[in-house]
Protein backbone atom coordinates (compact mmCIF):
# COMPACT_ATOMS: atom_id res chain seq x y z
CA MET A 1 -0.15 0.01 -0.17
CA ARG A 2 0.81 3.66 -0.10
CA PRO A 3 1.47 5.82 2.12
CA LEU A 4 -1.61 7.90 2.05
CA GLU A 5 -3.46 5.00 1.55
CA ILE A 6 -2.37 3.29 5.05
CA ALA A 7 -2.51 6.75 6.01
CA ILE A 8 -6.26 6.83 5.71
CA LEU A 9 -6.72 3.30 6.42
CA VAL A 10 -4.60 4.23 9.99
CA LEU A 11 -6.94 7.58 10.87
CA ASN A 12 -9.80 5.66 10.37
CA LEU A 13 -8.92 3.55 12.15
CA VAL A 14 -8.84 6.17 15.54
CA ALA A 15 -11.51 7.90 14.82
CA ILE A 16 -13.19 4.84 15.64
CA ALA A 17 -11.27 2.90 17.89
CA GLY A 18 -9.55 5.72 19.46
CA PRO A 19 -12.81 6.74 21.84
CA LEU A 20 -12.65 3.23 23.64
CA ILE A 21 -9.71 3.72 24.57
CA ALA A 22 -9.53 7.65 25.71
CA PHE A 23 -10.06 8.30 28.86
CA ARG A 24 -12.75 11.22 27.55
CA PRO A 25 -14.97 9.66 24.60
CA ASN A 26 -17.22 12.15 23.92
CA ALA A 27 -14.76 15.03 23.97
CA ARG A 28 -15.30 17.07 20.99
CA GLY A 29 -11.21 16.94 19.99
CA TRP A 30 -12.32 13.54 18.24
CA ALA A 31 -14.81 14.64 15.74
CA TYR A 32 -12.20 16.69 14.14
CA VAL A 33 -9.90 13.29 13.04
CA PRO A 34 -12.97 12.37 10.53
CA ALA A 35 -12.25 16.02 9.01
CA VAL A 36 -9.18 15.77 8.66
CA ASN A 37 -9.35 12.75 7.01
CA VAL A 38 -11.38 13.88 4.42
CA GLY A 39 -8.88 16.28 3.76
CA LEU A 40 -6.37 13.07 3.46
CA VAL A 41 -8.30 11.65 0.78
CA ILE A 42 -8.40 14.44 -1.27
CA LEU A 43 -4.74 15.03 -1.24
CA HIS A 44 -4.28 11.23 -1.59
CA LEU A 45 -6.32 11.80 -4.58
CA VAL A 46 -4.71 14.33 -6.14
CA VAL A 47 -0.80 12.49 -5.33
CA GLU A 48 -2.39 8.99 -5.27
CA ARG A 49 -5.13 9.29 -7.46
CA TYR A 50 -7.64 7.15 -7.47
CA ARG A 51 -8.18 3.15 -7.47
CA TRP A 52 -10.77 1.41 -7.03
CA GLN A 53 -9.21 -1.15 -4.24
CA MET A 54 -9.25 2.02 -2.31
CA VAL A 55 -13.62 2.67 -2.51
CA PRO A 56 -14.69 0.69 0.56
CA ALA A 57 -12.01 3.28 2.87
CA TYR A 58 -12.66 6.55 0.47
CA ALA A 59 -17.17 5.34 1.74
CA LEU A 60 -16.06 4.41 5.30
CA THR A 61 -14.18 7.90 5.60
CA GLY A 62 -17.26 9.59 4.31
CA VAL A 63 -19.32 8.20 6.66
CA VAL A 64 -17.60 8.81 9.67
CA PHE A 65 -17.28 12.35 8.26
CA LEU A 66 -20.63 12.92 8.39
CA LEU A 67 -21.50 11.12 12.00
CA THR A 68 -19.26 13.06 13.48
CA LEU A 69 -20.50 16.71 11.50
CA PRO A 70 -22.58 17.64 13.92
CA ARG A 71 -20.54 17.41 16.51
CA LEU A 72 -18.14 19.51 14.88
CA ARG A 73 -20.55 22.63 14.45
CA ARG A 74 -21.39 22.48 17.97
CA PRO A 75 -21.11 19.77 21.27
CA ALA A 76 -24.55 17.92 22.62
CA PRO A 77 -24.94 15.39 25.54
CA PRO A 78 -24.62 12.10 23.89
CA ALA A 79 -28.32 10.44 23.47
CA VAL A 80 -26.02 7.66 24.47
CA PRO A 81 -23.19 6.85 27.63
CA GLY A 82 -19.87 7.54 25.99
CA ARG A 83 -18.47 5.18 26.86
CA VAL A 84 -21.91 2.01 25.82
CA ARG A 85 -21.86 4.74 22.77
CA ALA A 86 -18.59 4.10 21.83
CA LEU A 87 -18.40 0.26 22.41
CA LEU A 88 -20.96 0.48 19.92
CA VAL A 89 -19.65 2.47 17.07
CA GLY A 90 -16.42 0.75 17.92
CA ALA A 91 -18.14 -2.89 17.01
CA VAL A 92 -20.03 -1.65 13.47
CA GLY A 93 -16.90 0.40 13.29
CA VAL A 94 -13.78 -1.39 13.81
CA PRO A 95 -14.48 -4.25 11.14
CA ALA A 96 -15.49 -1.99 8.94
CA VAL A 97 -11.82 -0.87 8.59
CA VAL A 98 -11.13 -4.00 8.69
CA VAL A 99 -13.10 -5.29 5.35
CA ALA A 100 -11.87 -1.78 3.60
CA ALA A 101 -8.42 -2.22 3.92
CA ALA A 102 -9.05 -6.09 2.37
CA ALA A 103 -9.21 -4.80 -0.76
CA PRO A 104 -5.91 -2.24 -1.48
CA VAL A 105 -3.96 -4.82 0.77
CA LEU A 106 -4.62 -7.84 -1.19
CA PHE A 107 -4.04 -5.71 -4.80
CA PRO A 108 -1.03 -3.44 -4.19
CA VAL A 109 0.54 -0.55 -6.89
CA LEU A 110 2.92 -2.76 -7.73
CA ARG A 111 6.34 -1.59 -6.56
CA PHE A 112 10.39 -1.94 -8.98
CA PRO A 113 12.76 -3.15 -6.41
CA THR A 114 15.36 0.02 -7.08
CA PRO A 115 18.58 -0.11 -9.54
CA THR A 116 21.74 -0.22 -7.63
CA GLY A 117 23.69 0.72 -10.37
CA PRO A 118 25.61 3.43 -11.17
CA TYR A 119 23.37 4.59 -13.62
CA LYS A 120 20.10 5.89 -13.77
CA VAL A 121 17.54 4.06 -16.04
CA GLY A 122 16.22 5.34 -20.11
CA THR A 123 14.05 2.99 -22.17
CA VAL A 124 12.41 3.35 -25.99
CA SER A 125 10.01 0.42 -27.81
CA TYR A 126 10.40 -0.65 -31.57
CA ASP A 127 8.60 -1.48 -34.11
CA LEU A 128 10.20 -3.85 -36.01
CA LEU A 129 9.41 -6.44 -39.34
CA ASP A 130 11.25 -8.93 -40.87
CA PRO A 131 11.01 -8.59 -44.39
CA SER A 132 12.29 -12.13 -45.06
CA ARG A 133 10.02 -13.72 -42.96
CA ALA A 134 6.38 -15.20 -43.52
CA GLU A 135 4.54 -15.05 -40.15
CA THR A 136 2.74 -18.37 -39.66
CA TYR A 137 0.06 -17.34 -36.82
CA THR A 138 -2.08 -15.25 -38.73
CA PRO A 139 -4.30 -16.98 -42.19
CA ALA A 140 -2.91 -13.93 -43.99
CA PRO A 141 -0.38 -15.39 -46.71
CA ASP A 142 1.18 -11.87 -47.09
CA ASP A 143 2.46 -11.45 -44.08
CA LYS A 144 5.19 -11.02 -42.15
CA ARG A 145 6.67 -11.25 -39.10
CA GLU A 146 5.96 -8.75 -36.94
CA ILE A 147 7.31 -7.80 -33.42
CA MET A 148 7.52 -5.41 -30.88
CA VAL A 149 11.11 -4.56 -28.47
CA GLN A 150 11.53 -2.52 -26.06
CA VAL A 151 15.99 -1.28 -24.33
CA TRP A 152 16.68 -0.08 -21.42
CA TYR A 153 20.01 0.98 -21.57
CA PRO A 154 21.86 3.59 -19.03
CA ALA A 155 20.40 7.10 -19.41
CA SER A 156 21.34 11.06 -18.34
CA PRO A 157 17.80 11.52 -18.17
CA ALA A 158 17.48 15.75 -18.07
CA PRO A 159 15.90 17.25 -14.74
CA GLY A 160 12.62 17.05 -13.40
CA ALA A 161 11.94 14.21 -15.52
CA ARG A 162 9.24 11.10 -14.75
CA THR A 163 9.58 7.73 -14.86
CA GLY A 164 7.12 5.96 -17.51
CA PRO A 165 4.20 3.10 -16.81
CA TRP A 166 5.06 -0.55 -17.01
CA LEU A 167 2.34 -1.40 -19.86
CA ASP A 168 1.47 0.33 -22.42
CA ARG A 169 -3.11 -0.04 -23.51
CA LEU A 170 -3.58 -1.20 -19.86
CA ASP A 171 -7.15 -0.81 -20.63
CA LEU A 172 -6.78 -4.10 -22.55
CA THR A 173 -3.59 -5.64 -20.53
CA GLY A 174 -4.85 -5.10 -17.82
CA PRO A 175 -7.56 -7.41 -18.07
CA ILE A 176 -6.07 -9.89 -19.82
CA ILE A 177 -3.26 -10.63 -17.33
CA ALA A 178 -6.25 -10.54 -14.44
CA ARG A 179 -8.12 -13.44 -16.77
CA TYR A 180 -4.43 -14.98 -17.55
CA ILE A 181 -3.83 -14.83 -13.33
CA ASN A 182 -7.36 -16.34 -12.77
CA LEU A 183 -8.47 -13.31 -11.05
CA PRO A 184 -11.89 -10.59 -12.08
CA SER A 185 -10.87 -8.57 -15.14
CA PHE A 186 -11.08 -5.44 -13.13
CA ALA A 187 -8.87 -6.62 -10.49
CA LEU A 188 -5.17 -5.25 -12.01
CA ASP A 189 -6.71 -1.32 -13.06
CA HIS A 190 -5.20 0.18 -10.82
CA ALA A 191 -1.87 -0.96 -12.53
CA GLY A 192 -2.21 2.36 -14.63
CA LEU A 193 -0.68 3.91 -11.87
CA VAL A 194 3.08 1.35 -11.36
CA ARG A 195 5.51 3.83 -12.25
CA THR A 196 8.80 1.78 -13.48
CA ASN A 197 12.85 3.10 -12.40
CA SER A 198 13.20 4.11 -16.23
CA TYR A 199 12.83 7.61 -18.10
CA PRO A 200 11.44 7.17 -21.71
CA ASP A 201 13.60 8.43 -24.32
CA ALA A 202 15.87 9.51 -22.22
CA PRO A 203 19.06 10.42 -23.67
CA VAL A 204 21.80 7.35 -23.42
CA SER A 205 24.45 8.06 -20.97
CA GLU A 206 27.63 8.76 -21.77
CA GLY A 207 29.26 6.73 -18.79
CA GLN A 208 30.93 4.35 -21.35
CA ALA A 209 31.85 5.01 -24.95
CA ARG A 210 30.37 1.01 -26.07
CA TYR A 211 27.84 -0.80 -23.16
CA PRO A 212 27.54 -4.89 -23.85
CA VAL A 213 24.11 -6.09 -25.50
CA VAL A 214 22.29 -8.38 -23.19
CA VAL A 215 18.07 -9.72 -24.68
CA TYR A 216 15.61 -11.05 -23.26
CA SER A 217 12.87 -13.66 -24.22
CA HIS A 218 9.74 -13.91 -22.21
CA GLY A 219 8.61 -16.95 -22.17
CA TRP A 220 4.67 -18.61 -23.70
CA ASN A 221 2.35 -16.27 -22.51
CA GLY A 222 4.53 -13.95 -21.28
CA PHE A 223 4.88 -10.43 -22.46
CA ARG A 224 8.72 -8.14 -21.85
CA ALA A 225 7.25 -5.74 -19.25
CA VAL A 226 7.17 -9.05 -17.05
CA ASN A 227 10.46 -8.95 -16.22
CA THR A 228 11.13 -5.28 -16.72
CA ASN A 229 12.60 -5.38 -12.94
CA GLN A 230 15.71 -8.00 -14.33
CA MET A 231 16.28 -5.15 -17.08
CA GLU A 232 16.29 -2.36 -14.90
CA ALA A 233 18.82 -4.52 -13.04
CA LEU A 234 20.85 -4.87 -16.30
CA ALA A 235 20.72 -1.25 -17.44
CA GLY A 236 22.03 -0.09 -14.22
CA HIS A 237 25.23 -1.76 -13.79
CA GLY A 238 26.01 -0.65 -17.40
CA TYR A 239 24.03 -3.15 -20.10
CA ILE A 240 21.54 -2.26 -22.57
CA ALA A 241 18.80 -4.68 -22.26
CA VAL A 242 16.83 -5.56 -25.01
CA GLY A 243 12.79 -7.70 -23.88
CA ILE A 244 11.18 -8.63 -27.57
CA ASP A 245 6.64 -9.84 -27.25
CA HIS A 246 6.97 -12.34 -29.56
CA THR A 247 4.41 -11.78 -31.44
CA TYR A 248 1.54 -15.12 -31.23
CA GLY A 249 3.61 -16.34 -27.92
CA ALA A 250 3.24 -13.56 -26.18
CA MET A 251 0.05 -12.96 -23.91
CA PHE A 252 0.25 -9.90 -25.48
CA THR A 253 1.31 -7.19 -28.58
CA VAL A 254 0.96 -3.73 -28.23
CA PHE A 255 1.74 -1.71 -31.69
CA PRO A 256 1.88 1.76 -31.71
CA ASP A 257 -0.69 2.13 -33.90
CA GLY A 258 -2.83 0.49 -31.50
CA ARG A 259 -3.40 -3.04 -33.20
CA VAL A 260 -3.59 -5.99 -30.72
CA ALA A 261 -2.04 -9.06 -31.66
CA LEU A 262 -3.21 -11.54 -28.93
CA ASN A 263 -1.88 -14.59 -27.82
CA ASN A 264 -2.96 -17.51 -30.28
CA PRO A 265 -3.31 -20.90 -28.58
CA ASP A 266 -3.97 -22.93 -31.81
CA ALA A 267 0.22 -22.55 -31.81
CA LEU A 268 0.66 -24.44 -28.89
CA PRO A 269 -2.81 -26.23 -28.48
CA ASP A 270 -2.45 -28.01 -24.79
CA ASN A 271 -5.26 -31.14 -26.05
CA ALA A 272 -2.88 -32.56 -29.48
CA PRO A 273 -1.63 -34.93 -29.22
CA PRO A 274 1.76 -35.17 -27.72
CA ASP A 275 3.64 -36.21 -31.41
CA GLU A 276 2.19 -33.27 -32.41
CA TYR A 277 2.16 -30.85 -29.66
CA GLN A 278 6.23 -32.05 -29.28
CA LYS A 279 6.13 -30.59 -32.60
CA ASP A 280 4.23 -27.42 -32.12
CA SER A 281 6.42 -26.52 -29.31
CA GLU A 282 9.43 -27.26 -31.67
CA THR A 283 7.90 -25.04 -34.25
CA VAL A 284 7.32 -22.57 -31.63
CA GLU A 285 10.38 -22.53 -30.45
CA ALA A 286 12.23 -22.17 -33.24
CA THR A 287 10.51 -19.46 -33.88
CA TYR A 288 11.63 -17.42 -30.33
CA ALA A 289 15.22 -18.31 -31.25
CA ALA A 290 14.21 -16.83 -35.22
CA ASP A 291 13.24 -13.34 -33.25
CA ILE A 292 16.70 -13.25 -31.31
CA ARG A 293 19.10 -13.10 -34.20
CA PHE A 294 16.29 -11.74 -35.77
CA VAL A 295 16.67 -8.48 -33.33
CA LEU A 296 20.62 -8.86 -33.26
CA ASP A 297 20.62 -7.93 -36.77
CA GLN A 298 18.56 -5.21 -35.77
CA LEU A 299 21.36 -4.05 -33.04
CA GLU A 300 24.11 -4.42 -35.45
CA GLN A 301 21.89 -2.07 -38.19
CA TRP A 302 21.82 0.20 -35.06
CA ASN A 303 25.15 0.11 -34.26
CA ALA A 304 26.37 1.44 -37.40
CA GLY A 305 23.71 4.43 -37.17
CA SER A 306 20.36 3.73 -38.94
CA GLY A 307 17.52 4.23 -37.36
CA ASP A 308 16.67 6.71 -35.27
CA GLY A 309 20.57 6.96 -34.29
CA ARG A 310 20.71 6.49 -30.28
CA PHE A 311 22.37 3.68 -30.31
CA ALA A 312 25.11 4.27 -33.10
CA GLY A 313 28.39 3.30 -32.28
CA ARG A 314 26.88 2.52 -28.85
CA LEU A 315 26.75 -1.25 -28.55
CA ASP A 316 29.55 -3.20 -27.88
CA MET A 317 28.13 -6.25 -30.13
CA THR A 318 31.15 -8.07 -28.75
CA ARG A 319 29.38 -9.19 -25.37
CA VAL A 320 26.43 -10.51 -26.16
CA GLY A 321 24.35 -11.97 -23.41
CA LEU A 322 20.72 -13.72 -24.13
CA PHE A 323 18.06 -15.09 -20.88
CA GLY A 324 15.25 -16.23 -21.01
CA HIS A 325 12.36 -17.51 -19.29
CA SER A 326 10.46 -20.06 -20.04
CA THR A 327 10.21 -21.98 -23.88
CA GLY A 328 12.66 -18.25 -23.75
CA GLY A 329 15.07 -19.90 -22.30
CA GLY A 330 15.12 -22.17 -24.25
CA ALA A 331 14.85 -20.15 -27.63
CA VAL A 332 18.13 -18.86 -25.46
CA VAL A 333 19.76 -22.46 -25.76
CA LEU A 334 18.63 -22.36 -29.54
CA ALA A 335 19.60 -19.51 -30.55
CA CYS A 336 23.14 -19.65 -28.76
CA SER A 337 23.75 -23.12 -30.47
CA LEU A 338 23.14 -21.14 -34.06
CA ASP A 339 24.51 -18.07 -34.04
CA PRO A 340 28.53 -17.54 -32.92
CA ARG A 341 27.06 -13.67 -31.95
CA CYS A 342 26.28 -14.93 -28.88
CA THR A 343 28.77 -14.71 -25.69
CA ALA A 344 26.95 -16.28 -22.62
CA GLY A 345 23.86 -17.63 -21.85
CA LEU A 346 21.39 -17.44 -19.09
CA GLY A 347 17.98 -20.39 -18.72
CA MET A 348 14.92 -19.58 -15.66
CA ASP A 349 12.63 -22.66 -15.90
CA ALA A 350 13.83 -23.90 -19.54
CA TRP A 351 11.70 -25.06 -21.63
CA VAL A 352 14.12 -27.33 -23.62
CA VAL A 353 11.94 -30.52 -24.72
CA PRO A 354 11.45 -28.83 -27.53
CA ILE A 355 15.15 -28.32 -28.59
CA PRO A 356 15.90 -29.94 -31.39
CA ALA A 357 17.78 -33.56 -31.35
CA SER A 358 20.39 -32.73 -33.55
CA VAL A 359 21.31 -29.64 -30.89
CA VAL A 360 21.42 -32.01 -28.05
CA PRO A 361 24.60 -33.83 -28.17
CA GLY A 362 26.53 -30.48 -28.31
CA PRO A 363 29.04 -28.79 -28.07
CA ILE A 364 27.32 -25.89 -27.55
CA ALA A 365 30.87 -23.63 -26.89
CA GLN A 366 29.12 -20.43 -25.17
CA SER A 367 29.29 -19.96 -21.29
CA PHE A 368 25.52 -20.81 -19.70
CA MET A 369 23.61 -21.07 -16.45
CA PHE A 370 20.37 -22.53 -15.96
CA MET A 371 18.30 -21.69 -13.00
CA ARG A 372 15.70 -23.67 -12.12
CA SER A 373 12.39 -23.85 -9.62
CA GLU A 374 12.40 -26.14 -7.40
CA VAL A 375 8.61 -27.33 -8.81
CA TRP A 376 10.83 -27.69 -12.39
CA ALA A 377 13.94 -28.90 -10.71
CA THR A 378 11.88 -32.22 -10.16
CA ASP A 379 9.79 -32.06 -13.80
CA LYS A 380 11.00 -33.71 -16.98
CA ASN A 381 11.89 -31.11 -18.44
CA LYS A 382 15.21 -31.84 -15.93
CA ALA A 383 16.46 -34.49 -17.92
CA ARG A 384 17.42 -32.77 -21.07
CA LEU A 385 18.59 -29.72 -19.25
CA ASP A 386 21.11 -31.75 -17.81
CA VAL A 387 22.26 -32.93 -20.65
CA LEU A 388 22.39 -29.95 -22.13
CA TYR A 389 24.50 -29.14 -19.16
CA ASN A 390 26.72 -31.94 -19.39
CA VAL A 391 27.42 -31.38 -23.22
CA LEU A 392 28.13 -27.36 -21.92
CA THR A 393 31.79 -27.07 -22.85
CA GLY A 394 32.40 -23.24 -21.73
CA SER A 395 31.91 -22.80 -18.08
CA ALA A 396 28.35 -24.14 -16.99
CA TYR A 397 26.04 -22.67 -14.03
CA ARG A 398 23.76 -24.81 -12.04
CA LEU A 399 21.31 -23.92 -9.67
CA THR A 400 17.76 -24.54 -7.98
CA ILE A 401 16.39 -22.07 -5.93
CA LYS A 402 14.38 -23.89 -3.35
CA GLY A 403 10.85 -22.61 -2.17
CA THR A 404 10.29 -21.48 -5.63
CA GLY A 405 7.56 -21.71 -8.21
CA HIS A 406 7.61 -21.32 -12.20
CA TYR A 407 7.09 -17.66 -11.61
CA ASP A 408 9.28 -16.37 -9.76
CA PHE A 409 11.02 -15.28 -12.35
CA THR A 410 9.09 -12.93 -13.44
CA LEU A 411 6.76 -9.43 -11.18
CA LEU A 412 3.67 -11.99 -12.06
CA PRO A 413 3.54 -12.85 -7.80
CA LEU A 414 4.30 -9.60 -6.59
CA LEU A 415 0.47 -8.80 -8.00
CA THR A 416 -0.88 -9.48 -5.49
CA PRO A 417 -0.51 -11.09 -2.14
CA LEU A 418 -3.07 -13.89 -3.23
CA ALA A 419 0.04 -15.58 -5.34
CA PRO A 420 0.26 -18.72 -3.65
CA TYR A 421 -3.50 -19.07 -4.16
CA LEU A 422 -3.25 -19.05 -7.48
CA LYS A 423 -0.15 -21.16 -7.97
CA LEU A 424 2.12 -18.37 -8.85
CA LYS A 425 4.87 -18.74 -6.66
CA GLY A 426 6.93 -20.83 -4.58
CA PRO A 427 6.97 -20.18 -0.56
CA LEU A 428 9.92 -17.99 -0.77
CA GLU A 429 9.15 -14.64 -0.55
CA GLY A 430 8.87 -12.87 -3.15
CA ASN A 431 11.62 -10.20 -2.83
CA ARG A 432 13.86 -12.74 -1.57
CA ALA A 433 13.37 -15.12 -5.25
CA ILE A 434 14.00 -11.42 -7.18
CA GLN A 435 16.61 -11.01 -5.39
CA ILE A 436 17.77 -14.07 -5.07
CA VAL A 437 17.20 -14.36 -9.46
CA THR A 438 19.26 -11.10 -10.08
CA ASP A 439 22.15 -10.89 -8.42
CA TYR A 440 23.34 -14.51 -10.27
CA MET A 441 21.97 -12.99 -12.84
CA LEU A 442 24.23 -9.51 -12.71
CA ALA A 443 27.33 -12.06 -11.50
CA PHE A 444 26.91 -14.14 -14.53
CA PHE A 445 27.26 -10.92 -16.92
CA ASP A 446 29.45 -9.47 -15.03
CA LYS A 447 31.63 -12.43 -15.78
CA HIS A 448 31.06 -13.50 -19.11
CA LEU A 449 31.06 -10.32 -20.78
CA LYS A 450 32.92 -7.57 -18.83
CA GLY A 451 35.35 -10.23 -17.47
CA LEU A 452 34.64 -9.24 -13.99
CA ALA A 453 36.00 -11.43 -10.86
CA GLU A 454 32.52 -12.38 -9.28
CA PRO A 455 33.07 -14.86 -6.13
CA LEU A 456 29.29 -15.03 -5.87
CA LEU A 457 30.17 -17.92 -8.82
CA ASP A 458 32.72 -19.97 -7.53
CA SER A 459 30.78 -22.07 -4.46
CA PRO A 460 27.96 -22.53 -2.80
CA SER A 461 27.38 -18.70 -1.06
CA PRO A 462 26.45 -18.83 2.87
CA ALA A 463 24.83 -15.64 1.72
CA TYR A 464 21.93 -17.31 0.10
CA PRO A 465 20.79 -20.82 1.63
CA GLU A 466 18.05 -21.48 -0.36
CA VAL A 467 20.84 -22.49 -3.73
CA ILE A 468 21.28 -25.24 -4.56
CA PHE A 469 24.33 -24.10 -6.56
CA ASP A 470 26.42 -26.80 -8.85
CA SER A 471 29.42 -25.61 -10.97
CA ARG A 472 32.14 -27.34 -13.75
CA GLN A 473 34.54 -25.13 -15.91
CA PRO A 474 36.54 -25.28 -19.31
C-alpha cells in the first residue's frame, strides 16, 4: 500500500477506535479526526490518484465524517453515555476498517526494486518488421513477422524527468493479465498507477563509450515487461538490455498504431496428441530463436547508425548475452547453438524439451547458467536439461532455488499476496526470490561479458542458503 492509503485507514481506525480507549470518549477533539481524514483523501486523490480498491475506504471516511459533523458544528450531550456509545460504534466500525483495508492490501500498487547500479535507466520501444520471414501464425499469406522490442539502457535523464508506466494500453492489457492469473478482469485496473524506474526516451549515458548487450526472451504467454525489474537492473549496471514481445506467443503485443496481437492458442494447443504437441512446441521455440537472431541483426544495424541514431556506436556487439524464461529460455539455448554472436546464455526454468535432437548432443561453446525453480527441478524437463548441461564446453552453472515456483522468475507473484493460492509462486517470499535471481544474473553476465571477478559464482554462498549450486569450468 502507498503512504497516504495507509494514513487514511489508520485515521479511520483512530476515529472509530480512539474513543474506545480514551479517558474522555465524548471529547469534542475526536470529531476533528474524520475531518482531517477527508482532507487526506483529497490529497491522496491528487497525489497518488484514485484506484477502485480504495472505494470502501473512501466510503468509510465519508460515513464517519458525516456522523461526526454535528459534533463539529455544536457539541451536544450524547443520547447514549459516552463509553457505551463508543463501544457500539467500535463494534461496527473496527470491522468496517478491516474490510476497507482488504482490497488495497490484496491488490497493492506494484513497486519495482530500485536498480542498484551506478546508472539511471532510460527506455524506448520499437516496432520491428522482418520482411524475410512469413508470419506463420496468421491466416494472411502475405503477412510478415512483426515484433515489438523495448530497450533499457544507461541514461542521463533531464532534470525533472518522470519515470514511465509499466504497461501500454492498460485498458486491454490489465484485464488480459488478470484473467490469465484467474482474477476478475477489473482486478488489475490500477496497474496504470505503477511507475517503473525507467525514463522514456532519455539520452544514452556517456559513462562508457560502448555497452555490452543482453537480450531477453519471455515464456509462452509472457510479455517483455514481465521481467522489467531485471532489465532495469541490467541497465543500471551498464548493459543495454533488450526485451522482445514474441508476437502470438506473448500474452499480448501492443503496436504503436493501436493494433493488439493476442496469444494464439492454436500455435501450442494443450489438447494436441503428444507427437503433434512436440512438433508445435519445436516450431514455437524455433520462432522465438529466429526473433532473437533478427533482433541481433537489428542491433548491428543500429550500431552502424541506422534507425533513430540513438545507439549508433554505443553497442558492444562482441559482448552479447541472451537470457530467457521457460519457452524463452529454451529459445536462448537454441539461438546460442546457432549464432556465434551469443557470448553467454542464461535460462530461467528453460523449457528445453522442444530443442531439436540435433542440438542436444552438443557441443555448446558458450558459457551458460541454468536457474531452476524447485518445481521444475523435478519435472520431466529436468532430464533434458541435465543432458544439455553436460554438453556445455564453456563455463557451466546449474542452480536450483528452493521454495520457488515457475513464475518466481517474473514479476507476476508481486501483483498480489494471493499469488501462492493462484499457483504463481512457491513458499519463498517474493522479493527474496527476485533478489536471488537478480544477483546471480548480474554476477553471471558481469563475469562472462565484462570479465569481472565474481566470488558468488565460485561456490555455494552462505548468503543464499536457498540456492543449490553446481558449476563446472572448462
